N, C-alpha and C. Protein backbone atom coordinates (compact mmCIF):
# COMPACT_ATOMS: atom_id res chain seq x y z
N MET A 1 3.08 -16.62 7.07
CA MET A 1 1.58 -16.57 6.79
C MET A 1 1.10 -16.93 5.19
N MET A 2 -0.14 -17.17 5.13
CA MET A 2 -0.10 -17.23 3.64
C MET A 2 -1.69 -16.74 3.72
N VAL A 3 -1.92 -15.81 2.64
CA VAL A 3 -3.00 -15.00 2.53
C VAL A 3 -3.35 -15.09 0.86
N ARG A 4 -4.70 -15.66 0.94
CA ARG A 4 -5.29 -15.51 -0.41
C ARG A 4 -5.38 -14.35 -1.10
N GLN A 5 -5.17 -14.19 -2.26
CA GLN A 5 -5.16 -13.19 -3.45
C GLN A 5 -6.30 -12.54 -3.42
N GLU A 6 -7.58 -13.45 -2.99
CA GLU A 6 -8.79 -12.64 -3.17
C GLU A 6 -8.92 -11.94 -1.60
N ASP A 7 -8.27 -12.08 -0.71
CA ASP A 7 -8.34 -11.25 0.55
C ASP A 7 -7.64 -10.18 0.87
N ILE A 8 -6.91 -9.79 -0.17
CA ILE A 8 -6.13 -8.56 -0.24
C ILE A 8 -6.62 -7.59 -0.97
N LEU A 9 -6.56 -6.32 -0.33
CA LEU A 9 -7.12 -4.98 -0.91
C LEU A 9 -6.27 -4.22 -1.21
N LEU A 10 -6.64 -3.39 -2.24
CA LEU A 10 -5.53 -2.53 -2.72
C LEU A 10 -6.15 -1.30 -2.61
N VAL A 11 -5.84 -0.36 -2.01
CA VAL A 11 -6.79 1.23 -1.91
C VAL A 11 -5.34 1.96 -2.40
N PRO A 12 -5.75 2.91 -3.58
CA PRO A 12 -4.98 3.91 -4.44
C PRO A 12 -4.64 4.62 -2.93
N GLU A 13 -3.55 5.26 -3.02
CA GLU A 13 -2.97 6.22 -2.15
C GLU A 13 -3.80 7.24 -2.00
N ALA A 14 -4.49 8.04 -3.27
CA ALA A 14 -5.38 9.39 -3.15
C ALA A 14 -6.69 8.87 -2.47
N GLU A 15 -7.35 7.68 -2.78
CA GLU A 15 -8.32 7.50 -1.70
C GLU A 15 -7.87 7.22 -0.30
N MET A 16 -6.75 6.61 0.08
CA MET A 16 -6.42 6.55 1.58
C MET A 16 -6.17 7.87 2.13
N GLN A 17 -5.58 8.98 1.36
CA GLN A 17 -5.70 10.30 1.94
C GLN A 17 -7.06 11.03 2.05
N ALA A 18 -8.12 10.57 1.00
CA ALA A 18 -9.57 11.13 1.36
C ALA A 18 -10.01 10.50 2.08
N LYS A 19 -10.17 9.24 2.65
CA LYS A 19 -10.58 8.46 3.87
C LYS A 19 -10.10 8.87 5.34
N SER A 20 -8.49 9.37 5.07
CA SER A 20 -8.05 9.80 6.50
C SER A 20 -8.64 11.07 6.61
N ASP A 21 -8.74 11.95 5.86
CA ASP A 21 -9.23 13.38 5.86
C ASP A 21 -10.56 13.36 6.47
N ALA A 22 -11.47 12.28 5.93
CA ALA A 22 -13.09 12.20 6.16
C ALA A 22 -12.87 11.92 7.49
N GLU A 23 -11.79 11.03 8.01
CA GLU A 23 -11.90 10.07 9.40
C GLU A 23 -11.15 11.02 10.40
N ALA A 24 -10.63 12.26 10.26
CA ALA A 24 -9.72 12.95 11.30
C ALA A 24 -10.47 12.87 12.53
N GLY A 25 -9.83 12.28 13.27
CA GLY A 25 -10.29 12.46 14.90
C GLY A 25 -11.01 11.12 15.12
N ALA A 26 -11.04 10.28 14.24
CA ALA A 26 -11.77 8.73 14.44
C ALA A 26 -10.69 7.98 14.97
N ALA A 27 -10.93 6.97 15.86
CA ALA A 27 -9.96 5.94 16.17
C ALA A 27 -9.20 5.00 15.12
N PRO A 28 -7.67 5.14 15.13
CA PRO A 28 -7.01 4.60 14.04
C PRO A 28 -7.36 2.98 13.89
N ARG A 29 -7.48 2.53 12.62
CA ARG A 29 -7.84 1.36 12.14
C ARG A 29 -6.77 0.32 12.70
N PRO A 30 -7.25 -0.84 13.02
CA PRO A 30 -5.95 -1.88 13.46
C PRO A 30 -5.32 -2.42 11.99
N GLY A 31 -4.10 -2.76 12.17
CA GLY A 31 -3.41 -3.24 10.85
C GLY A 31 -2.72 -2.05 10.03
N GLY A 32 -3.70 -1.09 9.88
CA GLY A 32 -3.18 0.12 8.91
C GLY A 32 -2.75 -0.15 7.41
N GLY A 33 -1.95 -1.38 7.32
CA GLY A 33 -1.77 -1.81 5.85
C GLY A 33 -0.18 -1.16 5.36
N GLN A 34 0.02 -1.70 4.50
CA GLN A 34 1.44 -1.49 4.01
C GLN A 34 1.55 -1.01 2.69
N THR A 35 2.46 -0.05 2.38
CA THR A 35 2.69 0.68 1.46
C THR A 35 3.19 0.18 0.25
N ALA A 36 2.52 0.07 -0.97
CA ALA A 36 3.37 -0.80 -2.32
C ALA A 36 3.11 0.07 -3.73
N VAL A 37 3.70 -0.51 -4.65
CA VAL A 37 3.40 0.25 -6.04
C VAL A 37 2.88 -1.07 -6.96
N VAL A 38 1.92 -0.73 -7.59
CA VAL A 38 1.37 -1.76 -8.58
C VAL A 38 2.58 -1.86 -9.75
N CYS A 39 2.87 -2.93 -10.03
CA CYS A 39 3.91 -3.19 -11.06
C CYS A 39 3.42 -4.15 -12.15
N ASP A 40 2.05 -4.61 -12.36
CA ASP A 40 1.71 -5.20 -13.45
C ASP A 40 -0.05 -5.53 -13.03
N ARG A 41 -0.55 -5.46 -14.05
CA ARG A 41 -2.24 -5.80 -14.01
C ARG A 41 -2.46 -6.58 -14.99
N GLN A 42 -3.19 -7.61 -14.88
CA GLN A 42 -3.72 -8.61 -15.98
C GLN A 42 -5.35 -8.66 -15.71
N PHE A 43 -5.84 -8.48 -16.59
CA PHE A 43 -7.15 -8.68 -16.81
C PHE A 43 -7.79 -10.32 -16.90
N LEU A 44 -8.58 -10.77 -16.12
CA LEU A 44 -8.77 -12.13 -16.00
C LEU A 44 -10.55 -12.43 -16.05
N GLY A 45 -11.13 -11.33 -17.11
CA GLY A 45 -12.48 -11.45 -17.19
C GLY A 45 -13.20 -10.80 -16.36
N ARG A 46 -13.62 -11.06 -15.17
CA ARG A 46 -14.18 -10.63 -14.06
C ARG A 46 -13.70 -9.76 -12.98
N GLU A 47 -12.21 -10.24 -13.27
CA GLU A 47 -11.38 -9.54 -12.17
C GLU A 47 -9.83 -9.10 -12.64
N HIS A 48 -9.31 -8.39 -12.17
CA HIS A 48 -7.95 -8.18 -12.20
C HIS A 48 -6.98 -8.98 -11.25
N ARG A 49 -5.57 -9.47 -11.83
CA ARG A 49 -4.67 -9.91 -10.87
C ARG A 49 -3.59 -8.64 -10.91
N TYR A 50 -3.29 -8.33 -9.91
CA TYR A 50 -2.26 -7.26 -9.57
C TYR A 50 -1.19 -7.67 -8.84
N THR A 51 0.23 -7.42 -9.57
CA THR A 51 1.15 -7.67 -8.99
C THR A 51 1.80 -6.23 -8.20
N VAL A 52 1.93 -6.27 -6.98
CA VAL A 52 2.47 -5.05 -6.23
C VAL A 52 3.99 -5.62 -5.58
N ARG A 53 4.78 -4.14 -5.77
CA ARG A 53 5.94 -4.29 -5.08
C ARG A 53 5.98 -3.56 -3.46
N LEU A 54 6.02 -4.52 -2.30
CA LEU A 54 6.47 -3.70 -1.20
C LEU A 54 7.42 -3.01 -0.82
N ALA A 55 7.73 -2.11 -0.11
CA ALA A 55 9.00 -1.17 0.26
C ALA A 55 10.20 -2.16 0.37
N SER A 56 9.97 -3.20 1.08
CA SER A 56 10.71 -4.27 1.39
C SER A 56 11.40 -5.01 0.01
N GLY A 57 10.92 -4.75 -1.22
CA GLY A 57 11.25 -5.26 -2.20
C GLY A 57 10.51 -6.43 -2.73
N ARG A 58 9.96 -7.18 -1.57
CA ARG A 58 9.10 -8.34 -1.90
C ARG A 58 7.87 -8.18 -3.02
N THR A 59 7.42 -8.87 -3.75
CA THR A 59 5.97 -8.70 -4.47
C THR A 59 5.10 -9.68 -3.85
N LEU A 60 4.00 -9.29 -4.10
CA LEU A 60 2.52 -10.18 -3.91
C LEU A 60 1.56 -9.94 -5.02
N GLN A 61 0.73 -10.98 -5.08
CA GLN A 61 -0.38 -10.69 -5.99
C GLN A 61 -1.55 -10.72 -5.31
N ALA A 62 -2.60 -9.72 -5.79
CA ALA A 62 -4.00 -9.49 -5.57
C ALA A 62 -4.91 -9.63 -6.44
N ARG A 63 -6.07 -10.38 -6.20
CA ARG A 63 -7.12 -10.15 -7.45
C ARG A 63 -8.41 -9.87 -6.74
N MET A 64 -8.80 -8.58 -7.59
CA MET A 64 -10.01 -7.57 -7.34
C MET A 64 -10.88 -7.42 -8.47
N ALA A 65 -11.94 -7.29 -8.18
CA ALA A 65 -13.01 -7.06 -9.44
C ALA A 65 -12.67 -6.15 -10.23
N THR A 66 -13.07 -5.97 -11.37
CA THR A 66 -12.84 -4.90 -12.60
C THR A 66 -13.67 -3.96 -12.25
N ALA A 67 -14.39 -3.74 -11.33
CA ALA A 67 -15.12 -2.39 -11.05
C ALA A 67 -14.25 -1.03 -11.16
N GLN A 68 -12.95 -1.48 -10.51
CA GLN A 68 -12.21 -0.36 -10.69
C GLN A 68 -10.71 -0.62 -10.82
N ALA A 69 -10.27 -0.04 -11.89
CA ALA A 69 -9.03 -0.60 -12.56
C ALA A 69 -7.71 0.14 -12.04
N ILE A 70 -6.72 -0.12 -11.14
CA ILE A 70 -5.46 0.62 -10.85
C ILE A 70 -4.77 0.44 -11.79
N ALA A 71 -4.08 1.83 -12.24
CA ALA A 71 -2.81 1.66 -12.99
C ALA A 71 -1.47 1.37 -12.55
N VAL A 72 -0.86 0.50 -13.45
CA VAL A 72 0.58 0.36 -13.11
C VAL A 72 1.18 1.36 -12.92
N GLY A 73 2.25 1.51 -11.81
CA GLY A 73 2.76 2.62 -11.32
C GLY A 73 2.10 3.23 -9.78
N THR A 74 0.89 3.06 -9.72
CA THR A 74 0.05 3.75 -8.78
C THR A 74 0.67 3.24 -7.11
N ALA A 75 0.78 4.05 -6.56
CA ALA A 75 1.30 3.88 -5.09
C ALA A 75 -0.38 3.60 -4.39
N VAL A 76 -0.51 2.40 -3.66
CA VAL A 76 -1.48 1.64 -2.94
C VAL A 76 -0.81 1.30 -1.40
N THR A 77 -2.03 1.47 -0.60
CA THR A 77 -1.99 0.42 0.53
C THR A 77 -2.42 -0.71 0.32
N VAL A 78 -1.91 -1.73 0.92
CA VAL A 78 -2.22 -2.79 0.78
C VAL A 78 -2.70 -3.54 2.29
N GLU A 79 -3.90 -3.94 2.36
CA GLU A 79 -4.77 -4.34 3.42
C GLU A 79 -5.38 -6.03 3.14
N ILE A 80 -5.59 -6.52 4.37
CA ILE A 80 -5.98 -7.79 4.37
C ILE A 80 -7.65 -7.55 4.88
N ILE A 81 -8.46 -8.01 4.00
CA ILE A 81 -10.08 -7.87 4.26
C ILE A 81 -10.45 -9.01 5.25
N GLN A 82 -9.90 -10.10 5.27
CA GLN A 82 -10.46 -10.85 6.06
C GLN A 82 -10.08 -10.80 7.50
N PRO A 83 -11.01 -11.06 8.54
CA PRO A 83 -10.93 -10.64 9.60
C PRO A 83 -9.77 -11.53 10.44
N CYS A 84 -9.77 -12.59 10.14
CA CYS A 84 -8.81 -13.64 10.70
C CYS A 84 -7.98 -14.52 9.58
N PRO A 85 -6.94 -13.89 9.10
CA PRO A 85 -5.90 -14.95 7.97
C PRO A 85 -5.86 -16.28 9.04
N GLN A 86 -5.45 -17.07 7.96
CA GLN A 86 -4.84 -18.24 8.43
C GLN A 86 -3.85 -18.52 8.19
N VAL A 87 -3.50 -19.05 9.56
CA VAL A 87 -1.71 -19.09 9.54
C VAL A 87 -1.36 -20.55 9.57
N PHE A 88 -0.10 -20.67 8.85
CA PHE A 88 0.21 -21.97 8.79
C PHE A 88 1.75 -22.03 9.06
N ILE A 89 1.91 -22.89 10.06
CA ILE A 89 3.22 -23.20 10.66
C ILE A 89 4.20 -24.18 9.82
N GLU A 90 5.21 -23.40 9.40
CA GLU A 90 6.08 -24.05 8.34
C GLU A 90 6.51 -25.51 8.74
N SER A 91 6.37 -26.00 9.77
CA SER A 91 6.72 -27.51 9.76
C SER A 91 5.44 -28.35 9.56
N SER A 92 4.16 -27.64 9.27
CA SER A 92 2.82 -28.24 9.15
C SER A 92 2.84 -28.19 7.77
N LEU A 93 3.61 -27.91 6.99
CA LEU A 93 3.48 -27.52 5.40
C LEU A 93 3.91 -29.23 4.85
């Protein structure tokens, strides 16, 4: 599966815990997200490009607006913000 960098949302663990506490008793959200750690942040003008390392050791990049800067070393939850990610089958590439 291929996901655009702009379609990835990084939510710092502290925010996720606050959301969980506020939504206690609510139905769980589908997908739930994966845990990762921010290992690099680059300023690109109106956005930041983050590199995060998943628990599996794989890395991925996300691009987010500069309204909130997430520090390198921060634990985050990685979520896909598009409701329907586009899937490409390997033989069609």
